[in-house]
C-alpha atoms as a PDB file:
ATOM      1  CA  MET A   1     -35.618   8.212 -17.148  1.00  0.00           C
ATOM      2  CA  ASP A   2     -37.322  11.666 -17.022  1.00  0.00           C
ATOM      3  CA  ARG A   3     -35.312  14.897 -16.750  1.00  0.00           C
ATOM      4  CA  ARG A   4     -35.927  15.353 -13.007  1.00  0.00           C
ATOM      5  CA  ALA A   5     -34.872  11.788 -12.170  1.00  0.00           C
ATOM      6  CA  GLN A   6     -31.789  12.152 -14.355  1.00  0.00           C
ATOM      7  CA  LEU A   7     -30.827  15.430 -12.642  1.00  0.00           C
ATOM      8  CA  GLN A   8     -31.376  13.886  -9.209  1.00  0.00           C
ATOM      9  CA  SER A   9     -29.183  10.912 -10.154  1.00  0.00           C
ATOM     10  CA  THR A  10     -26.427  13.268 -11.310  1.00  0.00           C
ATOM     11  CA  LEU A  11     -26.500  15.571  -8.276  1.00  0.00           C
ATOM     12  CA  ARG A  12     -27.204  13.169  -5.446  1.00  0.00           C
ATOM     13  CA  ILE A  13     -24.405  12.851  -2.905  1.00  0.00           C
ATOM     14  CA  GLU A  14     -24.093   9.160  -2.070  1.00  0.00           C
ATOM     15  CA  ASP A  15     -21.207   9.252   0.329  1.00  0.00           C
ATOM     16  CA  VAL A  16     -20.065  12.137   2.519  1.00  0.00           C
ATOM     17  CA  PRO A  17     -16.748  11.608   4.353  1.00  0.00           C
ATOM     18  CA  THR A  18     -17.127  11.689   8.107  1.00  0.00           C
ATOM     19  CA  ILE A  19     -15.045  14.042  10.264  1.00  0.00           C
ATOM     20  CA  ARG A  20     -13.264  10.963  11.608  1.00  0.00           C
ATOM     21  CA  ALA A  21     -12.361   9.836   8.092  1.00  0.00           C
ATOM     22  CA  MET A  22     -11.120  13.296   7.102  1.00  0.00           C
ATOM     23  CA  VAL A  23      -9.021  13.622  10.244  1.00  0.00           C
ATOM     24  CA  ALA A  24      -7.567  10.146   9.710  1.00  0.00           C
ATOM     25  CA  GLN A  25      -6.686  11.001   6.110  1.00  0.00           C
ATOM     26  CA  LYS A  26      -4.950  14.249   7.114  1.00  0.00           C
ATOM     27  CA  LEU A  27      -2.941  12.450   9.777  1.00  0.00           C
ATOM     28  CA  ARG A  28      -2.133   9.631   7.334  1.00  0.00           C
ATOM     29  CA  GLU A  29      -0.812  12.178   4.813  1.00  0.00           C
ATOM     30  CA  ALA A  30       1.312  13.849   7.509  1.00  0.00           C
ATOM     31  CA  ILE A  31       2.807  10.472   8.480  1.00  0.00           C
ATOM     32  CA  MET A  32       3.389   9.379   4.884  1.00  0.00           C
ATOM     33  CA  SER A  33       5.120  12.675   3.995  1.00  0.00           C
ATOM     34  CA  GLY A  34       7.339  12.560   7.079  1.00  0.00           C
ATOM     35  CA  THR A  35       5.780  15.654   8.671  1.00  0.00           C
ATOM     36  CA  LEU A  36       4.904  13.379  11.597  1.00  0.00           C
ATOM     37  CA  LYS A  37       7.982  11.244  12.154  1.00  0.00           C
ATOM     38  CA  PRO A  38       8.332   7.634  13.401  1.00  0.00           C
ATOM     39  CA  GLY A  39       8.302   7.572  17.187  1.00  0.00           C
ATOM     40  CA  GLN A  40       6.736  11.049  17.484  1.00  0.00           C
ATOM     41  CA  ARG A  41       4.064  11.434  20.155  1.00  0.00           C
ATOM     42  CA  LEU A  42       0.577  12.300  18.984  1.00  0.00           C
ATOM     43  CA  VAL A  43      -0.837  14.462  21.763  1.00  0.00           C
ATOM     44  CA  GLU A  44      -4.618  14.685  21.490  1.00  0.00           C
ATOM     45  CA  ARG A  45      -4.850  18.225  22.863  1.00  0.00           C
ATOM     46  CA  GLU A  46      -2.283  19.527  20.391  1.00  0.00           C
ATOM     47  CA  LEU A  47      -3.925  17.741  17.468  1.00  0.00           C
ATOM     48  CA  CYS A  48      -7.330  19.154  18.448  1.00  0.00           C
ATOM     49  CA  GLU A  49      -5.923  22.691  18.415  1.00  0.00           C
ATOM     50  CA  MET A  50      -4.033  22.249  15.131  1.00  0.00           C
ATOM     51  CA  MET A  51      -6.869  20.520  13.265  1.00  0.00           C
ATOM     52  CA  GLY A  52      -9.801  22.372  14.798  1.00  0.00           C
ATOM     53  CA  VAL A  53     -11.798  19.263  15.652  1.00  0.00           C
ATOM     54  CA  SER A  54     -13.067  17.612  18.822  1.00  0.00           C
ATOM     55  CA  ARG A  55     -11.074  15.165  20.937  1.00  0.00           C
ATOM     56  CA  PRO A  56     -13.469  12.236  20.164  1.00  0.00           C
ATOM     57  CA  SER A  57     -12.822  12.772  16.423  1.00  0.00           C
ATOM     58  CA  ILE A  58      -9.063  12.669  17.047  1.00  0.00           C
ATOM     59  CA  ARG A  59      -9.365   9.498  19.144  1.00  0.00           C
ATOM     60  CA  GLU A  60     -11.484   7.735  16.534  1.00  0.00           C
ATOM     61  CA  ALA A  61      -9.060   8.726  13.774  1.00  0.00           C
ATOM     62  CA  LEU A  62      -6.076   7.477  15.769  1.00  0.00           C
ATOM     63  CA  ARG A  63      -7.842   4.138  16.279  1.00  0.00           C
ATOM     64  CA  LEU A  64      -8.286   3.837  12.512  1.00  0.00           C
ATOM     65  CA  LEU A  65      -4.582   4.547  11.934  1.00  0.00           C
ATOM     66  CA  GLU A  66      -3.610   2.102  14.669  1.00  0.00           C
ATOM     67  CA  ALA A  67      -5.616  -0.617  12.884  1.00  0.00           C
ATOM     68  CA  ASP A  68      -3.556   0.178   9.738  1.00  0.00           C
ATOM     69  CA  GLY A  69      -0.298  -0.096  11.687  1.00  0.00           C
ATOM     70  CA  LEU A  70       0.631   3.571  11.296  1.00  0.00           C
ATOM     71  CA  VAL A  71       0.069   4.475  14.934  1.00  0.00           C
ATOM     72  CA  ASN A  72       0.964   2.546  18.051  1.00  0.00           C
ATOM     73  CA  THR A  73      -0.217   3.154  21.626  1.00  0.00           C
ATOM     74  CA  VAL A  74       2.689   3.008  24.068  1.00  0.00           C
ATOM     75  CA  PRO A  75       2.053   2.582  27.836  1.00  0.00           C
ATOM     76  CA  HIS A  76       2.618   5.819  29.773  1.00  0.00           C
ATOM     77  CA  ARG A  77       3.242   7.732  26.513  1.00  0.00           C
ATOM     78  CA  GLY A  78       0.016   7.342  24.554  1.00  0.00           C
ATOM     79  CA  PRO A  79      -0.275   7.252  20.758  1.00  0.00           C
ATOM     80  CA  VAL A  80       2.940   7.576  18.707  1.00  0.00           C
ATOM     81  CA  VAL A  81       3.756   7.251  15.028  1.00  0.00           C
ATOM     82  CA  SER A  82       4.756   3.635  14.510  1.00  0.00           C
ATOM     83  CA  THR A  83       8.330   2.531  14.092  1.00  0.00           C
ATOM     84  CA  ILE A  84       9.428  -0.679  12.394  1.00  0.00           C
ATOM     85  CA  SER A  85      11.729  -3.233  13.998  1.00  0.00           C
ATOM     86  CA  LEU A  86      14.352  -5.170  12.071  1.00  0.00           C
ATOM     87  CA  GLU A  87      12.299  -8.396  12.207  1.00  0.00           C
ATOM     88  CA  GLU A  88       9.100  -6.611  11.139  1.00  0.00           C
ATOM     89  CA  ALA A  89      10.930  -5.040   8.186  1.00  0.00           C
ATOM     90  CA  LYS A  90      12.262  -8.440   7.057  1.00  0.00           C
ATOM     91  CA  GLN A  91       8.740  -9.884   7.096  1.00  0.00           C
ATOM     92  CA  LEU A  92       7.242  -6.843   5.344  1.00  0.00           C
ATOM     93  CA  TYR A  93       9.718  -6.933   2.483  1.00  0.00           C
ATOM     94  CA  ALA A  94       9.508 -10.715   2.097  1.00  0.00           C
ATOM     95  CA  ALA A  95       5.717 -10.511   1.679  1.00  0.00           C
ATOM     96  CA  ARG A  96       5.998  -7.477  -0.590  1.00  0.00           C
ATOM     97  CA  ALA A  97       8.464  -9.226  -2.927  1.00  0.00           C
ATOM     98  CA  VAL A  98       6.052 -12.116  -3.513  1.00  0.00           C
ATOM     99  CA  LEU A  99       2.990  -9.937  -4.060  1.00  0.00           C
ATOM    100  CA  GLU A 100       4.653  -7.220  -6.107  1.00  0.00           C
ATOM    101  CA  GLY A 101       6.389  -9.769  -8.304  1.00  0.00           C
ATOM    102  CA  TYR A 102       2.972 -11.216  -9.110  1.00  0.00           C
ATOM    103  CA  ALA A 103       1.550  -7.726  -9.742  1.00  0.00           C
ATOM    104  CA  GLY A 104       4.356  -6.918 -12.175  1.00  0.00           C
ATOM    105  CA  ARG A 105       3.904 -10.195 -14.048  1.00  0.00           C
ATOM    106  CA  GLU A 106       0.146  -9.637 -14.365  1.00  0.00           C
ATOM    107  CA  CYS A 107       0.587  -6.051 -15.534  1.00  0.00           C
ATOM    108  CA  ALA A 108       2.906  -7.266 -18.293  1.00  0.00           C
ATOM    109  CA  ARG A 109       0.520 -10.079 -19.238  1.00  0.00           C
ATOM    110  CA  LEU A 110      -2.557  -7.867 -19.385  1.00  0.00           C
ATOM    111  CA  HIS A 111      -0.554  -5.067 -21.079  1.00  0.00           C
ATOM    112  CA  ASP A 112      -3.264  -2.440 -20.592  1.00  0.00           C
ATOM    113  CA  PRO A 113      -2.147   0.763 -22.432  1.00  0.00           C
ATOM    114  CA  ASP A 114      -3.802   2.933 -19.754  1.00  0.00           C
ATOM    115  CA  VAL A 115      -1.883   1.189 -16.968  1.00  0.00           C
ATOM    116  CA  VAL A 116       1.377   1.416 -18.920  1.00  0.00           C
ATOM    117  CA  HIS A 117       0.723   5.157 -19.384  1.00  0.00           C
ATOM    118  CA  ARG A 118      -0.065   5.707 -15.693  1.00  0.00           C
ATOM    119  CA  ILE A 119       3.109   3.891 -14.600  1.00  0.00           C
ATOM    120  CA  GLY A 120       5.180   5.828 -17.147  1.00  0.00           C
ATOM    121  CA  ASN A 121       3.636   9.136 -16.067  1.00  0.00           C
ATOM    122  CA  ALA A 122       4.431   8.455 -12.408  1.00  0.00           C
ATOM    123  CA  LEU A 123       7.984   7.486 -13.383  1.00  0.00           C
ATOM    124  CA  THR A 124       8.422  10.780 -15.294  1.00  0.00           C
ATOM    125  CA  ARG A 125       7.270  12.764 -12.248  1.00  0.00           C
ATOM    126  CA  LEU A 126       9.553  10.706 -10.002  1.00  0.00           C
ATOM    127  CA  LYS A 127      12.582  11.502 -12.157  1.00  0.00           C
ATOM    128  CA  ALA A 128      11.670  15.200 -12.213  1.00  0.00           C
ATOM    129  CA  ALA A 129      11.265  15.314  -8.419  1.00  0.00           C
ATOM    130  CA  ALA A 130      14.528  13.439  -7.892  1.00  0.00           C
ATOM    131  CA  SER A 131      16.417  15.878 -10.130  1.00  0.00           C
ATOM    132  CA  LYS A 132      15.176  18.726  -7.895  1.00  0.00           C
ATOM    133  CA  GLN A 133      15.870  16.759  -4.693  1.00  0.00           C
ATOM    134  CA  ASP A 134      12.174  17.176  -3.883  1.00  0.00           C
ATOM    135  CA  LEU A 135      11.629  14.430  -1.285  1.00  0.00           C
ATOM    136  CA  VAL A 136       7.883  15.006  -0.911  1.00  0.00           C
ATOM    137  CA  GLY A 137       7.480  14.978  -4.686  1.00  0.00           C
ATOM    138  CA  CYS A 138       9.461  11.741  -4.878  1.00  0.00           C
ATOM    139  CA  LEU A 139       7.243  10.115  -2.263  1.00  0.00           C
ATOM    140  CA  GLU A 140       4.051  11.218  -4.018  1.00  0.00           C
ATOM    141  CA  ALA A 141       5.282  10.029  -7.424  1.00  0.00           C
ATOM    142  CA  LYS A 142       6.451   6.695  -6.015  1.00  0.00           C
ATOM    143  CA  THR A 143       3.113   6.212  -4.289  1.00  0.00           C
ATOM    144  CA  ASP A 144       1.353   6.791  -7.638  1.00  0.00           C
ATOM    145  CA  PHE A 145       3.798   4.427  -9.379  1.00  0.00           C
ATOM    146  CA  TYR A 146       2.986   1.584  -6.990  1.00  0.00           C
ATOM    147  CA  ALA A 147      -0.751   2.388  -7.078  1.00  0.00           C
ATOM    148  CA  ALA A 148      -0.718   2.052 -10.874  1.00  0.00           C
ATOM    149  CA  LEU A 149       1.335  -1.136 -10.698  1.00  0.00           C
ATOM    150  CA  ILE A 150      -0.828  -2.760  -8.020  1.00  0.00           C
ATOM    151  CA  GLY A 151      -4.125  -1.637  -9.548  1.00  0.00           C
ATOM    152  CA  GLY A 152      -2.924  -2.749 -12.974  1.00  0.00           C
ATOM    153  CA  CYS A 153      -2.768  -6.402 -11.946  1.00  0.00           C
ATOM    154  CA  ARG A 154      -6.579  -6.342 -11.516  1.00  0.00           C
ATOM    155  CA  ASN A 155      -6.541  -8.517  -8.414  1.00  0.00           C
ATOM    156  CA  SER A 156      -8.434  -6.920  -5.550  1.00  0.00           C
ATOM    157  CA  PHE A 157      -7.018  -9.354  -2.995  1.00  0.00           C
ATOM    158  CA  VAL A 158      -3.430  -8.521  -3.924  1.00  0.00           C
ATOM    159  CA  GLU A 159      -4.314  -4.820  -3.815  1.00  0.00           C
ATOM    160  CA  ARG A 160      -5.833  -5.170  -0.318  1.00  0.00           C
ATOM    161  CA  MET A 161      -2.782  -7.010   0.969  1.00  0.00           C
ATOM    162  CA  LEU A 162      -0.205  -4.691  -0.568  1.00  0.00           C
ATOM    163  CA  LYS A 163      -1.743  -1.368   0.502  1.00  0.00           C
ATOM    164  CA  PRO A 164      -1.098  -1.778   4.263  1.00  0.00           C
ATOM    165  CA  LEU A 165       2.393  -3.110   3.493  1.00  0.00           C
ATOM    166  CA  HIS A 166       3.191   0.007   1.508  1.00  0.00           C
ATOM    167  CA  ASP A 167       1.741   2.231   4.213  1.00  0.00           C
ATOM    168  CA  ARG A 168       4.112   0.686   6.742  1.00  0.00           C
ATOM    169  CA  ILE A 169       7.097   0.668   4.373  1.00  0.00           C
ATOM    170  CA  THR A 170       6.611   4.395   3.682  1.00  0.00           C
ATOM    171  CA  LEU A 171       7.804   4.977   7.243  1.00  0.00           C
ATOM    172  CA  LEU A 172      11.186   3.616   6.100  1.00  0.00           C
ATOM    173  CA  ARG A 173      11.076   5.041   2.572  1.00  0.00           C
ATOM    174  CA  ILE A 174      11.075   8.609   3.899  1.00  0.00           C
ATOM    175  CA  THR A 175      14.574   8.132   5.320  1.00  0.00           C
ATOM    176  CA  SER A 176      16.055   5.799   2.700  1.00  0.00           C
ATOM    177  CA  MET A 177      15.018   8.042  -0.224  1.00  0.00           C
ATOM    178  CA  SER A 178      16.885  10.964   1.336  1.00  0.00           C
ATOM    179  CA  GLN A 179      20.098   9.067   0.544  1.00  0.00           C
ATOM    180  CA  PRO A 180      21.331  10.170  -2.940  1.00  0.00           C
ATOM    181  CA  LYS A 181      22.821   6.774  -3.855  1.00  0.00           C
ATOM    182  CA  ARG A 182      19.572   4.939  -3.026  1.00  0.00           C
ATOM    183  CA  ILE A 183      17.257   7.217  -4.970  1.00  0.00           C
ATOM    184  CA  ASN A 184      19.428   6.985  -8.111  1.00  0.00           C
ATOM    185  CA  LYS A 185      19.549   3.184  -7.866  1.00  0.00           C
ATOM    186  CA  SER A 186      15.814   3.056  -7.187  1.00  0.00           C
ATOM    187  CA  LEU A 187      15.163   5.129 -10.329  1.00  0.00           C
ATOM    188  CA  ARG A 188      17.042   2.605 -12.449  1.00  0.00           C
ATOM    189  CA  GLU A 189      15.116  -0.270 -10.870  1.00  0.00           C
ATOM    190  CA  VAL A 190      11.640   1.200 -11.382  1.00  0.00           C
ATOM    191  CA  THR A 191      12.531   2.247 -14.928  1.00  0.00           C
ATOM    192  CA  ALA A 192      13.404  -1.395 -15.633  1.00  0.00           C
ATOM    193  CA  ILE A 193      10.024  -2.448 -14.219  1.00  0.00           C
ATOM    194  CA  TRP A 194       8.179  -0.021 -16.479  1.00  0.00           C
ATOM    195  CA  ARG A 195      10.108  -1.088 -19.590  1.00  0.00           C
ATOM    196  CA  ALA A 196       9.425  -4.773 -18.912  1.00  0.00           C
ATOM    197  CA  ILE A 197       5.696  -4.098 -18.479  1.00  0.00           C
ATOM    198  CA  GLN A 198       5.676  -1.833 -21.550  1.00  0.00           C
ATOM    199  CA  SER A 199       7.218  -4.628 -23.639  1.00  0.00           C
ATOM    200  CA  GLY A 200       4.821  -7.257 -22.201  1.00  0.00           C
ATOM    201  CA  ASP A 201       7.657  -9.406 -20.856  1.00  0.00           C
ATOM    202  CA  GLU A 202       5.996 -11.217 -17.931  1.00  0.00           C
ATOM    203  CA  GLU A 203       9.052 -13.001 -16.551  1.00  0.00           C
ATOM    204  CA  LEU A 204      11.271  -9.921 -16.753  1.00  0.00           C
ATOM    205  CA  ALA A 205       8.618  -7.721 -15.130  1.00  0.00           C
ATOM    206  CA  GLU A 206       8.303 -10.153 -12.215  1.00  0.00           C
ATOM    207  CA  ARG A 207      12.081 -10.426 -11.834  1.00  0.00           C
ATOM    208  CA  CYS A 208      12.547  -6.636 -11.950  1.00  0.00           C
ATOM    209  CA  CYS A 209       9.859  -6.138  -9.288  1.00  0.00           C
ATOM    210  CA  VAL A 210      11.399  -8.754  -6.999  1.00  0.00           C
ATOM    211  CA  ASP A 211      14.915  -7.374  -7.522  1.00  0.00           C
ATOM    212  CA  HIS A 212      13.672  -3.866  -6.731  1.00  0.00           C
ATOM    213  CA  VAL A 213      12.042  -4.995  -3.489  1.00  0.00           C
ATOM    214  CA  LYS A 214      15.147  -6.959  -2.470  1.00  0.00           C
ATOM    215  CA  ALA A 215      17.359  -3.914  -3.071  1.00  0.00           C
ATOM    216  CA  ALA A 216      14.959  -1.713  -1.114  1.00  0.00           C
ATOM    217  CA  ALA A 217      14.958  -4.269   1.698  1.00  0.00           C
ATOM    218  CA  MET A 218      18.765  -4.287   1.881  1.00  0.00           C
ATOM    219  CA  ALA A 219      18.837  -0.474   2.141  1.00  0.00           C
ATOM    220  CA  ALA A 220      16.045  -0.391   4.741  1.00  0.00           C
ATOM    221  CA  LEU A 221      17.487  -3.167   6.919  1.00  0.00           C
ATOM    222  CA  ASP A 222      20.915  -1.540   6.838  1.00  0.00           C
ATOM    223  CA  MET A 223      19.344   1.779   7.849  1.00  0.00           C
ATOM    224  CA  ILE A 224      17.438   0.173  10.759  1.00  0.00           C
ATOM    225  CA  GLN A 225      20.582  -1.529  12.013  1.00  0.00           C
ATOM    226  CA  ARG A 226      22.585   1.704  11.834  1.00  0.00           C
ATOM    227  CA  MET A 227      19.852   3.668  13.604  1.00  0.00           C
ATOM    228  CA  SER A 228      19.615   0.974  16.271  1.00  0.00           C
ATOM    229  CA  GLY A 229      23.376   1.117  16.756  1.00  0.00           C
ATOM    230  CA  LYS A 230      23.276   4.886  17.254  1.00  0.00           C
ATOM    231  CA  GLU A 231      20.511   4.589  19.853  1.00  0.00           C
ATOM    232  CA  ASN A 232      22.406   1.889  21.736  1.00  0.00           C
ATOM    233  CA  SER A 233      25.569   3.993  21.763  1.00  0.00           C
ATOM    234  CA  LEU A 234      23.892   7.007  23.339  1.00  0.00           C
ATOM    235  CA  PRO A 235      24.962   7.687  26.941  1.00  0.00           C
ATOM    236  CA  ASP A 236      22.428   7.170  29.697  1.00  0.00           C
ATOM    237  CA  GLU A 237      20.622  10.344  30.745  1.00  0.00           C
END
């Protein structure tokens, strides 16, 4: 390859994100961080003004997020940030337990030092954020922890199935992680996952992953039931 061709290969831009994709990513980040809360209306005019983009770009981005289950269109209200029902949560966590258990087992079997390092690094940041009661930092570190775990199993089908599950579950994680008892217990659970993967213990890694998901499910389902009870006890307006 001559110098010009090599330079062109290095500098060529193969993929430029569309406005729609950038808007969708910004909205996704706002939902995942809790800035946009479950049940909150997404008014197109307001989003246009805040983001400085056209209404068609907002509509296209909202359609993308709706396909991922993060946004729901409600009759007479329009787009809102999705909420999760008790039955939906049960199904989400049941599927997650199976897939994440497999991912943990495969990570331990493959025992890739880079994956072990990435999981450990995310765990260190999670502990640091938890000690400062930094909820956003906790969410970001946990997202990286699961990304390393899921990517580490080297199964693209499992990765594709788990990503939307985690996107939906983040809607619940925002609230559950704000509870001091849950975050401390969660830290112990994910530390056990990392140690099992680090030691290459396949069965233990799978069991720790499944136990972690089951514990998270119990906390989330309890939270949904309590929130539902509060709503039902409110007086009629």
